[in-house]
Protein backbone atom coordinates (compact mmCIF):
# COMPACT_ATOMS: atom_id res chain seq x y z
CA MET A 1 0.09 0.03 0.00
CA ARG A 2 1.29 3.46 -1.03
CA LEU A 3 0.59 6.48 1.19
CA LEU A 4 0.56 10.37 0.58
CA LEU A 5 0.61 12.52 3.66
CA ASP A 6 -1.64 15.47 3.42
CA GLU A 7 0.25 18.87 3.53
CA MET A 8 -0.43 19.57 7.26
CA LEU A 9 1.47 16.38 8.27
CA ASP A 10 5.10 16.62 9.12
CA LYS A 11 7.17 15.43 6.25
CA GLU A 12 9.42 13.58 8.91
CA ILE A 13 6.70 11.02 9.24
CA ALA A 14 7.18 10.00 5.67
CA VAL A 15 10.90 9.97 6.14
CA GLN A 16 10.69 7.52 9.24
CA LEU A 17 8.06 5.32 7.44
CA ARG A 18 10.36 4.86 4.54
CA ARG A 19 13.31 3.94 6.83
CA ARG A 20 11.10 1.04 7.82
CA GLY A 21 10.46 0.04 4.29
CA HIS A 22 7.04 1.50 3.51
CA ASP A 23 6.10 3.33 0.39
CA VAL A 24 5.16 6.91 1.86
CA GLU A 25 5.28 10.21 0.30
CA SER A 26 4.66 13.69 1.82
CA VAL A 27 3.00 16.70 0.23
CA GLN A 28 5.53 18.76 2.17
CA GLU A 29 8.29 16.94 0.00
CA GLN A 30 6.74 17.72 -3.34
CA PRO A 31 6.61 21.56 -4.16
CA GLU A 32 4.19 20.79 -7.26
CA LEU A 33 1.50 19.70 -4.68
CA TRP A 34 1.87 22.62 -2.13
CA GLY A 35 -1.38 24.50 -1.89
CA LYS A 36 -3.43 22.18 -4.21
CA ASP A 37 -6.89 22.01 -3.17
CA ASP A 38 -8.22 18.79 -1.64
CA LEU A 39 -10.06 17.61 -4.88
CA ASP A 40 -6.86 17.95 -6.99
CA LEU A 41 -4.91 16.27 -4.27
CA LEU A 42 -7.26 13.27 -4.01
CA ARG A 43 -7.24 13.03 -7.72
CA HIS A 44 -3.48 13.03 -7.87
CA ALA A 45 -3.24 10.45 -5.24
CA ALA A 46 -5.70 8.32 -7.09
CA SER A 47 -3.70 8.51 -10.36
CA ALA A 48 -0.51 7.52 -8.19
CA THR A 49 -2.50 4.88 -6.37
CA GLN A 50 -1.88 6.35 -3.19
CA VAL A 51 -4.05 6.31 -0.15
CA ILE A 52 -4.34 9.88 1.40
CA VAL A 53 -3.52 10.36 5.05
CA THR A 54 -5.38 13.28 6.54
CA ASP A 55 -6.78 14.94 9.56
CA ASN A 56 -8.86 17.03 7.40
CA VAL A 57 -11.95 14.96 7.87
CA PRO A 58 -14.94 17.04 7.00
CA ASP A 59 -13.44 17.94 3.53
CA PHE A 60 -12.35 14.42 2.67
CA LEU A 61 -15.46 12.74 3.87
CA ARG A 62 -17.42 15.03 1.61
CA LEU A 63 -15.03 14.51 -1.28
CA ASN A 64 -15.45 10.59 -0.84
CA GLU A 65 -19.22 10.98 -1.08
CA SER A 66 -18.91 13.23 -4.05
CA PHE A 67 -16.52 10.77 -5.72
CA LEU A 68 -18.86 7.73 -5.11
CA ALA A 69 -21.92 9.71 -6.18
CA VAL A 70 -20.39 10.19 -9.58
CA GLY A 71 -18.54 6.99 -9.97
CA GLU A 72 -15.10 8.50 -9.69
CA SER A 73 -12.51 6.38 -8.09
CA HIS A 74 -9.76 7.07 -5.47
CA ALA A 75 -7.19 4.78 -3.78
CA GLY A 76 -8.67 5.30 -0.29
CA ILE A 77 -8.44 7.78 2.53
CA LEU A 78 -7.08 7.32 6.09
CA LEU A 79 -8.64 9.60 8.27
CA ALA A 80 -7.11 10.60 11.74
CA ALA A 81 -9.25 12.58 14.38
CA SER A 82 -7.09 15.71 15.34
CA SER A 83 -7.97 15.05 18.93
CA SER A 84 -6.05 11.83 18.83
CA PHE A 85 -3.45 12.43 16.38
CA PRO A 86 -2.08 16.07 17.03
CA ARG A 87 -0.14 17.89 14.31
CA SER A 88 2.79 18.77 16.74
CA ASN A 89 6.33 17.68 15.70
CA ARG A 90 6.53 16.17 19.04
CA ARG A 91 3.92 13.53 18.09
CA VAL A 92 5.76 12.39 15.04
CA GLY A 93 6.48 9.15 16.95
CA LEU A 94 2.67 8.48 17.52
CA TRP A 95 1.92 8.99 13.73
CA VAL A 96 5.06 6.68 12.78
CA THR A 97 3.96 3.71 15.13
CA THR A 98 0.32 4.02 14.20
CA LEU A 99 0.85 4.11 10.38
CA ASP A 100 3.52 1.54 10.66
CA ARG A 101 1.13 -0.90 12.34
CA PHE A 102 -1.56 -0.17 10.12
CA LEU A 103 0.61 -0.95 7.00
CA ALA A 104 1.92 -3.96 8.38
CA SER A 105 -1.59 -5.21 8.98
CA ALA A 106 -3.17 -3.98 5.92
CA ALA A 107 -0.29 -4.75 3.42
CA ASP A 108 -2.53 -6.75 1.13
CA MET A 109 -5.84 -4.67 1.71
CA SER A 110 -7.42 -2.73 -1.01
CA MET A 111 -8.51 0.75 0.28
CA ALA A 112 -10.16 1.66 -3.16
CA ASN A 113 -12.88 4.05 -2.58
CA LEU A 114 -12.75 3.48 1.17
CA CYS A 115 -12.25 5.81 4.07
CA HIS A 116 -10.71 4.17 7.23
CA TRP A 117 -10.18 5.65 10.60
CA LEU A 118 -6.79 5.39 12.14
CA GLN A 119 -6.85 3.92 15.78
CA ARG A 120 -4.06 4.93 18.33
CA PRO A 121 -1.96 2.02 19.33
CA ASP A 122 -2.40 2.75 23.06
């Protein structure tokens, strides 16, 4: 499973996950993606077969519904509640641990057109 971290998530999360052998990119590492609206970002991720990881829950839930309503496909959306997964750079370890465990358990799972909530490991 390939991931694309939304722009607000620290690029260090992607760096550390790649060190663990995962295929993860960050919008922060790709200047051509900076400032793209959520619709364009979801379409970009779909074309690259990447699951979006975001805490921008309302917008991406709405986009998921819109995509499904018109028959447009995406590679998947991993949602994180901002109350459980703070954006602080002191919480990079929490993101890395959670995503590493998710990727290990869902390696062969298809997320196509699905939204999935990330769960804290503790």
